[in-house]
Amino acid sequence: MLLLKNGQILEQGVLVQKDLLIDGKKIIQISDSIENTEAKVLDLKGKFISPGFIDVHVHWREPGFEYKETIYHASRAAARGGFTTAMPMPNLNPVPDCYENLKLQLDIIERDSVIRAIPFGAITKGEQGKEYADFKELANYVFAFSDDGRGVQDANMMFESMKVAASLDKAIVAHCEDNSLIRGGCMHCGRRSRELQLPGIPSVCESVQIARDVLLAEATGCHYHVCHVSTKESVRVVRDAKAAGIKVTCEVCPHHLLSNEMDIPEDNGMWKMNPPLRSAEDHNALIAGLLDGTIDVIATDHAPHAPYEKELTMTKAAFGIVGSETAFSQLYTKFVKPGVFSLDFLVKKMSENVADTFELPYGRLKENGFADLVIIDLEKSMEIDPNQFLSKGRNTPYIGEKIYGIPVLTLCEGRIAYQDKEVFTDL
């Protein structure tokens, strides 16, 4: 047993001091004061106890792309960021489009992951958009179905996939991008792309496919979840769909909340991500959409690459940014400390709201609930240094940024998944 003394938890949005007693995988007691002579005692000295975060969008790259990232490294990076559950995307080799391929990934997760990982199954074979994946064979083992990394271009294929997914009580999770509108772009088509003389990706490339898909979701009754919304039009389409009673949910990524196109200082591949950083107007619409509930959750889209794939110009670099280790701290620094978001709001968008959106039994601090939690020192600060990352990916443009609210201990089902040994030396 482990007794966490003198921590602070959120109750009705207010920080209150509590003790937590953990036995095995469960929290068995939360009270003002707990004494237990059989438990190991850890004095938290007022640090914040949050539910473990849930990330429904990560790229763990294994099997197939271990030179970018491995499940061993990715899970430890996620734990360092306070995540206790993650959902790895299926753009792998082999693609998990049948149980035989998925089993390779499940076995590595079982062996190497320090947190709970529930992978996605593909919508189409090889994510090629031509043949359906083996939905029924995969359904009992996957979180949902997605061809993330590319949009499903054929409307009938998406329609039929939604019908099958609905019959299996699984969500379709979509990377929305109309290939005919990408036009060779490497960043948002806007003021900054014109200044840098770089080819741009128009906003409608994303929003037009969301508009198509929400109507297909209405016709099929499928739970349709939109990945990484980035434009004001996308927010508007989702808001209207929800008002019409369509079962649509969506996520936003930390980098789209933190930055917009005008923050890109030069032609530097570290700023290349998909979808790209959009205009200030889009940026503001994402924040407003998160605040009014149109956007349900925050997900990192942690996308590691090898240095030689990112240390290039925008036109030549790979799309993607890492986010697992710094997401909470960056958002806490940018939005909670200045009072734009409450701490309770941010935590829920990364934990409880995710659980509610996908009907998961995680994401809450409660008696008899899973001992998935993260201890955060809200006063502790650090500078972002990719050389200190636990992820193999170093691809972030936020090097040197000072952040507050640093996770110092993460427990998944009562087991230590991450520990800051400068803070907790006796565990």
Protein backbone atom coordinates (compact mmCIF):
# COMPACT_ATOMS: atom_id res chain seq x y z
CA MET A 1 0.00 0.00 0.00
CA LEU A 2 1.03 3.58 -0.66
CA LEU A 3 -0.26 6.54 1.36
CA LEU A 4 -0.02 9.95 -0.28
CA LYS A 5 -0.08 12.57 2.47
CA ASN A 6 -0.71 16.31 2.23
CA GLY A 7 -1.56 16.49 -1.43
CA GLN A 8 -4.07 18.81 -3.07
CA ILE A 9 -6.91 17.64 -5.29
CA LEU A 10 -9.66 19.51 -7.12
CA GLU A 11 -13.15 19.42 -5.62
CA GLN A 12 -15.78 21.49 -7.44
CA GLY A 13 -12.92 23.33 -9.11
CA VAL A 14 -11.19 24.25 -5.85
CA LEU A 15 -7.89 22.88 -4.58
CA VAL A 16 -8.31 21.16 -1.21
CA GLN A 17 -5.82 19.21 0.86
CA LYS A 18 -6.42 15.45 0.95
CA ASP A 19 -4.69 12.16 1.65
CA LEU A 20 -4.99 9.20 -0.75
CA LEU A 21 -4.51 5.54 0.09
CA ILE A 22 -3.61 3.20 -2.74
CA ASP A 23 -3.74 -0.57 -2.54
CA GLY A 24 -2.65 -2.44 -5.66
CA LYS A 25 -4.31 -0.98 -8.75
CA LYS A 26 -7.00 0.99 -6.91
CA ILE A 27 -7.49 4.10 -4.81
CA ILE A 28 -9.21 2.73 -1.73
CA GLN A 29 -9.60 5.91 0.32
CA ILE A 30 -9.59 9.69 -0.16
CA SER A 31 -9.94 11.68 3.05
CA ASP A 32 -8.83 14.78 4.91
CA SER A 33 -6.46 12.68 6.98
CA ILE A 34 -5.52 9.01 6.69
CA GLU A 35 -3.26 7.02 8.98
CA ASN A 36 -2.15 3.51 8.04
CA THR A 37 0.82 1.79 9.65
CA GLU A 38 1.06 -0.81 6.87
CA ALA A 39 1.42 1.67 4.02
CA LYS A 40 4.51 3.36 2.66
CA VAL A 41 4.02 7.08 3.28
CA LEU A 42 4.88 9.76 0.75
CA ASP A 43 4.59 13.36 1.90
CA LEU A 44 3.55 15.44 -1.12
CA LYS A 45 4.02 18.76 0.71
CA GLY A 46 1.07 20.40 -0.99
CA LYS A 47 1.74 19.23 -4.53
CA PHE A 48 -1.24 18.78 -6.85
CA ILE A 49 -2.69 15.30 -7.42
CA SER A 50 -4.37 15.09 -10.82
CA PRO A 51 -6.11 12.19 -12.50
CA GLY A 52 -3.74 10.61 -15.00
CA PHE A 53 -4.15 12.20 -18.42
CA ILE A 54 -5.53 10.28 -21.40
CA ASP A 55 -4.07 10.93 -24.85
CA VAL A 56 -6.26 9.63 -27.67
CA HIS A 57 -3.79 10.57 -30.39
CA VAL A 58 -0.14 9.48 -30.32
CA HIS A 59 2.28 8.07 -32.85
CA TRP A 60 4.46 5.47 -31.17
CA ARG A 61 5.96 4.34 -34.49
CA GLU A 62 6.53 0.70 -33.51
CA PRO A 63 6.41 -1.71 -35.26
CA GLY A 64 8.02 -0.50 -38.45
CA PHE A 65 9.58 2.86 -37.69
CA GLU A 66 11.70 2.23 -34.60
CA TYR A 67 14.34 4.68 -35.84
CA LYS A 68 11.81 7.46 -35.07
CA GLU A 69 10.40 6.12 -31.78
CA THR A 70 9.76 2.92 -29.85
CA ILE A 71 6.98 1.92 -27.50
CA TYR A 72 9.58 1.71 -24.73
CA HIS A 73 10.61 5.35 -25.16
CA ALA A 74 7.20 6.72 -26.12
CA SER A 75 5.42 5.28 -23.10
CA ARG A 76 8.05 6.71 -20.75
CA ALA A 77 7.80 10.09 -22.43
CA ALA A 78 4.01 10.00 -22.01
CA ALA A 79 4.34 9.05 -18.35
CA ARG A 80 6.75 11.93 -17.82
CA GLY A 81 4.07 14.25 -19.18
CA GLY A 82 1.46 12.84 -16.78
CA PHE A 83 -0.31 10.51 -19.20
CA THR A 84 -1.42 7.13 -17.88
CA THR A 85 -3.40 6.00 -20.94
CA ALA A 86 -2.54 6.51 -24.61
CA MET A 87 -3.99 5.41 -27.91
CA PRO A 88 -1.33 4.76 -30.57
CA MET A 89 -2.31 5.46 -34.17
CA PRO A 90 -2.14 2.74 -36.85
CA ASN A 91 0.20 4.29 -39.45
CA LEU A 92 2.74 1.53 -38.79
CA ASN A 93 4.41 -1.28 -40.70
CA PRO A 94 2.61 -3.59 -40.76
CA VAL A 95 -0.57 -1.55 -40.47
CA PRO A 96 -2.89 -3.10 -37.83
CA ASP A 97 -5.61 -3.88 -40.36
CA CYS A 98 -6.04 -7.49 -39.19
CA TYR A 99 -5.47 -9.30 -35.92
CA GLU A 100 -2.22 -10.89 -37.04
CA ASN A 101 -0.66 -7.47 -37.62
CA LEU A 102 -2.19 -5.95 -34.50
CA LYS A 103 -0.83 -8.79 -32.36
CA LEU A 104 2.74 -7.67 -33.11
CA GLN A 105 1.96 -4.27 -31.62
CA LEU A 106 0.01 -5.67 -28.65
CA ASP A 107 2.91 -7.94 -27.70
CA ILE A 108 5.37 -5.04 -27.70
CA ILE A 109 2.98 -2.91 -25.63
CA GLU A 110 2.64 -5.74 -23.11
CA ARG A 111 6.41 -6.07 -22.88
CA ASP A 112 7.61 -2.46 -23.02
CA SER A 113 4.93 0.08 -22.12
CA VAL A 114 4.89 1.57 -18.62
CA ILE A 115 1.39 2.99 -19.12
CA ARG A 116 -1.89 1.63 -20.44
CA ALA A 117 -1.92 1.66 -24.24
CA ILE A 118 -5.00 0.84 -26.35
CA PRO A 119 -4.12 0.91 -30.05
CA PHE A 120 -6.24 1.94 -32.99
CA GLY A 121 -7.21 -0.39 -35.79
CA ALA A 122 -7.03 0.85 -39.38
CA ILE A 123 -10.13 1.70 -41.41
CA THR A 124 -8.63 0.43 -44.67
CA LYS A 125 -6.02 -2.18 -45.50
CA GLY A 126 -2.58 -0.65 -45.39
CA GLU A 127 -4.30 2.72 -44.89
CA GLN A 128 -4.50 2.79 -48.69
CA GLY A 129 -8.19 3.70 -48.88
CA LYS A 130 -9.04 0.86 -51.27
CA GLU A 131 -10.10 -2.17 -49.21
CA TYR A 132 -11.76 -2.40 -45.80
CA ALA A 133 -9.75 -3.56 -42.81
CA ASP A 134 -11.00 -6.57 -40.81
CA PHE A 135 -13.24 -4.56 -38.47
CA LYS A 136 -14.93 -7.50 -36.77
CA GLU A 137 -11.66 -9.33 -36.19
CA LEU A 138 -10.09 -6.22 -34.64
CA ALA A 139 -13.03 -4.80 -32.68
CA ASN A 140 -12.39 -6.51 -29.34
CA TYR A 141 -8.77 -5.38 -29.23
CA VAL A 142 -8.74 -1.79 -30.48
CA PHE A 143 -9.82 1.57 -29.12
CA ALA A 144 -11.43 2.77 -32.36
CA PHE A 145 -10.80 2.80 -36.11
CA SER A 146 -8.74 5.39 -37.94
CA ASP A 147 -6.56 5.86 -41.02
CA ASP A 148 -4.76 8.69 -39.27
CA GLY A 149 -2.02 10.26 -41.27
CA ARG A 150 -4.29 10.50 -44.29
CA GLY A 151 -7.92 11.24 -44.96
CA VAL A 152 -10.33 8.62 -46.29
CA GLN A 153 -10.94 10.07 -49.75
CA ASP A 154 -13.82 7.88 -50.91
CA ALA A 155 -17.16 8.94 -49.39
CA ASN A 156 -18.76 5.53 -49.87
CA MET A 157 -15.85 3.83 -48.15
CA MET A 158 -16.26 6.15 -45.16
CA PHE A 159 -20.04 5.62 -45.20
CA GLU A 160 -19.76 1.82 -45.16
CA SER A 161 -16.99 1.94 -42.53
CA MET A 162 -19.17 4.05 -40.27
CA LYS A 163 -22.04 1.60 -40.61
CA VAL A 164 -19.85 -1.33 -39.57
CA ALA A 165 -18.17 0.64 -36.76
CA ALA A 166 -21.57 1.66 -35.39
CA SER A 167 -22.72 -1.96 -35.38
CA LEU A 168 -19.62 -2.84 -33.35
CA ASP A 169 -20.05 0.14 -30.98
CA LYS A 170 -16.74 1.62 -32.07
CA ALA A 171 -15.88 5.17 -33.09
CA ILE A 172 -14.48 6.29 -36.41
CA VAL A 173 -11.64 8.72 -35.70
CA ALA A 174 -10.71 10.77 -38.74
CA HIS A 175 -7.74 12.70 -39.99
CA CYS A 176 -9.62 15.07 -42.28
CA GLU A 177 -7.78 16.14 -45.39
CA ASP A 178 -9.00 16.30 -48.97
CA ASN A 179 -5.98 15.29 -51.03
CA SER A 180 -7.12 17.30 -54.03
CA LEU A 181 -6.78 20.47 -51.95
CA ILE A 182 -3.34 19.89 -50.39
CA ARG A 183 -1.67 21.33 -53.50
CA GLY A 184 1.86 20.45 -52.37
CA GLY A 185 1.58 22.73 -49.35
CA CYS A 186 3.90 22.63 -46.36
CA MET A 187 2.29 25.25 -44.09
CA HIS A 188 -0.97 27.20 -43.80
CA CYS A 189 -2.00 29.11 -46.89
CA GLY A 190 -2.02 32.60 -45.48
CA ARG A 191 -0.02 35.72 -44.74
CA ARG A 192 3.07 33.94 -43.43
CA SER A 193 3.30 31.47 -46.32
CA ARG A 194 3.22 34.42 -48.69
CA GLU A 195 5.93 36.22 -46.72
CA LEU A 196 8.14 33.11 -46.69
CA GLN A 197 7.20 32.30 -50.30
CA LEU A 198 6.23 28.75 -49.38
CA PRO A 199 3.34 26.68 -50.78
CA GLY A 200 0.29 26.77 -48.52
CA ILE A 201 -2.41 24.31 -47.47
CA PRO A 202 -5.84 26.01 -47.50
CA SER A 203 -8.15 25.70 -44.51
CA VAL A 204 -10.90 24.20 -46.67
CA CYS A 205 -8.68 21.15 -47.20
CA GLU A 206 -9.67 20.10 -43.65
CA SER A 207 -13.12 21.54 -43.15
CA VAL A 208 -14.69 20.24 -46.36
CA GLN A 209 -14.02 16.64 -45.35
CA ILE A 210 -15.39 17.21 -41.85
CA ALA A 211 -18.58 18.61 -43.42
CA ARG A 212 -18.92 15.49 -45.57
CA ASP A 213 -18.27 13.14 -42.68
CA VAL A 214 -20.66 14.65 -40.15
CA LEU A 215 -23.52 14.06 -42.59
CA LEU A 216 -22.35 10.48 -43.08
CA ALA A 217 -22.23 10.08 -39.31
CA GLU A 218 -25.80 11.37 -39.09
CA ALA A 219 -26.90 8.84 -41.69
CA THR A 220 -25.18 5.91 -39.97
CA GLY A 221 -25.51 6.75 -36.27
CA CYS A 222 -21.77 6.30 -35.85
CA HIS A 223 -19.73 8.08 -33.18
CA TYR A 224 -17.50 10.25 -35.36
CA HIS A 225 -14.46 11.88 -33.77
CA VAL A 226 -12.40 14.48 -35.62
CA CYS A 227 -8.64 14.56 -35.09
CA HIS A 228 -6.69 17.77 -34.53
CA VAL A 229 -9.15 20.46 -35.68
CA SER A 230 -7.23 23.55 -36.76
CA THR A 231 -9.57 25.98 -38.54
CA LYS A 232 -12.45 28.25 -37.64
CA GLU A 233 -14.56 26.56 -40.34
CA SER A 234 -13.93 23.15 -38.75
CA VAL A 235 -15.05 24.45 -35.37
CA ARG A 236 -18.19 25.92 -36.96
CA VAL A 237 -19.05 22.66 -38.75
CA VAL A 238 -18.63 20.62 -35.55
CA ARG A 239 -20.64 23.14 -33.53
CA ASP A 240 -23.49 23.04 -36.03
CA ALA A 241 -23.39 19.22 -36.19
CA LYS A 242 -23.65 18.96 -32.41
CA ALA A 243 -26.56 21.38 -32.42
CA ALA A 244 -28.26 19.08 -34.94
CA GLY A 245 -27.87 16.12 -32.58
CA ILE A 246 -25.19 14.33 -34.61
CA LYS A 247 -22.82 12.16 -32.56
CA VAL A 248 -19.65 14.07 -33.36
CA THR A 249 -16.76 14.90 -31.05
CA CYS A 250 -13.37 16.43 -31.71
CA GLU A 251 -9.93 17.19 -30.32
CA VAL A 252 -7.44 20.02 -30.50
CA CYS A 253 -3.67 19.75 -30.11
CA PRO A 254 -1.54 21.82 -27.73
CA HIS A 255 0.52 23.35 -30.55
CA HIS A 256 -2.60 24.68 -32.28
CA LEU A 257 -3.63 26.33 -29.00
CA LEU A 258 -0.14 27.68 -28.31
CA SER A 259 0.83 29.11 -31.69
CA ASN A 260 -0.36 30.42 -35.04
CA GLU A 261 1.24 30.98 -38.43
CA MET A 262 2.78 34.30 -37.40
CA ASP A 263 4.87 32.56 -34.73
CA ILE A 264 6.87 30.79 -37.44
CA PRO A 265 10.08 32.87 -37.54
CA GLU A 266 11.71 31.38 -40.63
CA ASP A 267 11.72 28.50 -43.10
CA ASN A 268 12.43 25.84 -40.46
CA GLY A 269 11.18 22.26 -40.63
CA MET A 270 10.62 22.10 -36.87
CA TRP A 271 7.53 24.25 -37.46
CA LYS A 272 6.10 21.85 -40.05
CA MET A 273 3.09 19.94 -38.77
CA ASN A 274 -0.13 18.52 -40.17
CA PRO A 275 -2.51 20.22 -39.94
CA PRO A 276 -0.35 23.33 -39.99
CA LEU A 277 -0.42 26.27 -37.64
CA ARG A 278 -3.24 28.42 -38.96
CA SER A 279 -4.12 32.11 -38.81
CA ALA A 280 -4.64 34.16 -35.66
CA GLU A 281 -8.37 34.09 -36.39
CA ASP A 282 -8.32 30.28 -36.52
CA HIS A 283 -6.20 30.19 -33.37
CA ASN A 284 -8.75 32.30 -31.49
CA ALA A 285 -11.61 30.14 -32.79
CA LEU A 286 -9.93 27.01 -31.40
CA ILE A 287 -9.58 28.57 -27.95
CA ALA A 288 -13.21 29.75 -28.06
CA GLY A 289 -14.35 26.31 -29.24
CA LEU A 290 -12.53 24.62 -26.41
CA LEU A 291 -14.01 27.02 -23.87
CA ASP A 292 -17.60 26.64 -25.11
CA GLY A 293 -17.43 22.84 -25.29
CA THR A 294 -17.49 22.48 -29.07
CA ILE A 295 -14.02 20.95 -28.80
CA ASP A 296 -14.26 18.06 -26.37
CA VAL A 297 -10.69 17.10 -25.54
CA ILE A 298 -7.03 17.94 -25.90
CA ALA A 299 -4.79 15.34 -27.58
CA THR A 300 -1.09 15.73 -28.36
CA ASP A 301 -0.64 14.11 -31.79
CA HIS A 302 2.86 13.27 -30.50
CA ALA A 303 4.69 12.62 -33.77
CA PRO A 304 8.41 11.89 -33.38
CA HIS A 305 10.85 11.86 -36.27
CA ALA A 306 14.58 11.32 -36.66
CA PRO A 307 16.68 14.52 -36.64
CA TYR A 308 17.60 14.19 -40.30
CA GLU A 309 13.89 14.23 -41.20
CA LYS A 310 13.22 17.53 -39.42
CA GLU A 311 16.44 19.54 -39.65
CA LEU A 312 15.44 20.66 -43.13
CA THR A 313 13.49 23.38 -44.89
CA MET A 314 9.71 23.34 -44.65
CA THR A 315 9.23 21.88 -48.12
CA LYS A 316 11.57 18.95 -47.42
CA ALA A 317 10.95 18.16 -43.72
CA ALA A 318 8.52 15.55 -42.43
CA PHE A 319 5.25 16.73 -40.87
CA GLY A 320 5.08 16.40 -37.07
CA ILE A 321 5.89 17.68 -33.60
CA VAL A 322 6.45 15.87 -30.31
CA GLY A 323 4.22 16.78 -27.38
CA SER A 324 3.88 14.06 -24.76
CA GLU A 325 6.40 15.41 -22.26
CA THR A 326 5.47 19.09 -22.30
CA ALA A 327 1.76 19.32 -23.23
CA PHE A 328 0.29 19.93 -19.79
CA SER A 329 3.07 22.24 -18.64
CA GLN A 330 2.94 24.37 -21.78
CA LEU A 331 -0.83 24.74 -21.58
CA TYR A 332 -0.72 25.42 -17.84
CA THR A 333 1.86 28.15 -18.41
CA LYS A 334 0.11 29.73 -21.40
CA PHE A 335 -3.51 29.53 -20.24
CA VAL A 336 -3.93 28.67 -16.55
CA LYS A 337 -1.35 30.99 -15.02
CA PRO A 338 -2.77 34.05 -16.87
CA GLY A 339 -6.33 33.00 -15.98
CA VAL A 340 -7.65 32.12 -19.46
CA PHE A 341 -8.46 28.56 -18.34
CA SER A 342 -8.99 27.30 -14.83
CA LEU A 343 -6.81 24.45 -13.64
CA ASP A 344 -9.93 22.33 -13.33
CA PHE A 345 -10.90 23.08 -16.94
CA LEU A 346 -7.50 22.09 -18.34
CA VAL A 347 -7.28 18.91 -16.28
CA LYS A 348 -10.76 17.80 -17.36
CA LYS A 349 -9.99 18.40 -21.04
CA MET A 350 -7.03 16.02 -20.62
CA SER A 351 -8.67 13.40 -18.38
CA GLU A 352 -12.33 13.29 -17.33
CA ASN A 353 -13.72 14.71 -20.57
CA VAL A 354 -11.74 12.16 -22.56
CA ALA A 355 -13.17 9.38 -20.41
CA ASP A 356 -16.71 10.74 -20.87
CA THR A 357 -16.29 11.17 -24.63
CA PHE A 358 -15.20 7.57 -25.14
CA GLU A 359 -16.92 5.91 -22.14
CA LEU A 360 -13.65 4.89 -20.46
CA PRO A 361 -13.31 3.81 -16.80
CA TYR A 362 -10.22 6.00 -16.28
CA GLY A 363 -9.54 9.70 -15.93
CA ARG A 364 -10.95 10.36 -12.44
CA LEU A 365 -9.73 10.40 -8.86
CA LYS A 366 -12.28 8.42 -6.90
CA GLU A 367 -12.46 5.73 -4.25
CA ASN A 368 -12.38 2.25 -5.81
CA GLY A 369 -11.20 3.83 -9.05
CA PHE A 370 -7.97 3.07 -10.86
CA ALA A 371 -4.83 4.46 -9.22
CA ASP A 372 -3.94 6.41 -12.36
CA LEU A 373 -2.63 9.74 -11.18
CA VAL A 374 0.06 12.32 -11.66
CA ILE A 375 1.68 14.47 -9.00
CA ILE A 376 2.38 17.95 -10.35
CA ASP A 377 4.49 20.68 -8.78
CA LEU A 378 2.59 23.75 -9.95
CA GLU A 379 5.40 26.07 -8.85
CA LYS A 380 8.27 24.15 -10.40
CA SER A 381 9.65 25.51 -13.67
CA MET A 382 12.04 24.34 -16.35
CA GLU A 383 13.20 25.22 -19.82
CA ILE A 384 12.27 22.89 -22.66
CA ASP A 385 15.40 20.98 -23.63
CA PRO A 386 14.88 18.24 -26.21
CA ASN A 387 18.19 16.68 -25.21
CA GLN A 388 16.55 15.77 -21.91
CA PHE A 389 13.48 14.15 -23.49
CA LEU A 390 12.68 10.51 -22.80
CA SER A 391 11.18 10.26 -26.29
CA LYS A 392 13.54 9.45 -29.13
CA GLY A 393 11.89 12.36 -30.94
CA ARG A 394 13.48 15.78 -30.43
CA ASN A 395 11.37 17.63 -32.99
CA THR A 396 9.91 20.64 -31.24
CA PRO A 397 10.21 24.32 -32.14
CA TYR A 398 9.69 25.33 -28.50
CA ILE A 399 13.32 24.88 -27.40
CA GLY A 400 14.25 27.10 -24.47
CA GLU A 401 10.67 28.00 -23.57
CA LYS A 402 10.18 28.36 -19.80
CA ILE A 403 7.28 26.28 -18.52
CA TYR A 404 5.62 25.77 -15.14
CA GLY A 405 3.53 22.98 -13.64
CA ILE A 406 5.93 20.07 -13.94
CA PRO A 407 4.83 16.44 -13.38
CA VAL A 408 7.13 14.82 -10.84
CA LEU A 409 5.51 11.41 -10.28
CA THR A 410 3.13 9.35 -12.42
CA LEU A 411 1.37 6.19 -11.27
CA CYS A 412 -0.49 3.86 -13.60
CA GLU A 413 -2.64 1.30 -11.83
CA GLY A 414 -0.61 2.01 -8.70
CA ARG A 415 2.77 1.32 -10.32
CA ILE A 416 5.41 4.00 -10.81
CA ALA A 417 5.51 4.91 -14.49
CA TYR A 418 7.63 8.05 -14.07
CA GLN A 419 9.52 9.50 -11.14
CA ASP A 420 11.52 12.72 -10.88
CA LYS A 421 14.37 11.40 -8.78
CA GLU A 422 15.42 14.89 -7.75
CA VAL A 423 12.03 15.30 -6.05
CA PHE A 424 11.25 11.76 -4.85
CA THR A 425 14.43 9.95 -3.89
CA ASP A 426 13.05 7.27 -1.58
CA LEU A 427 10.49 5.42 -3.71
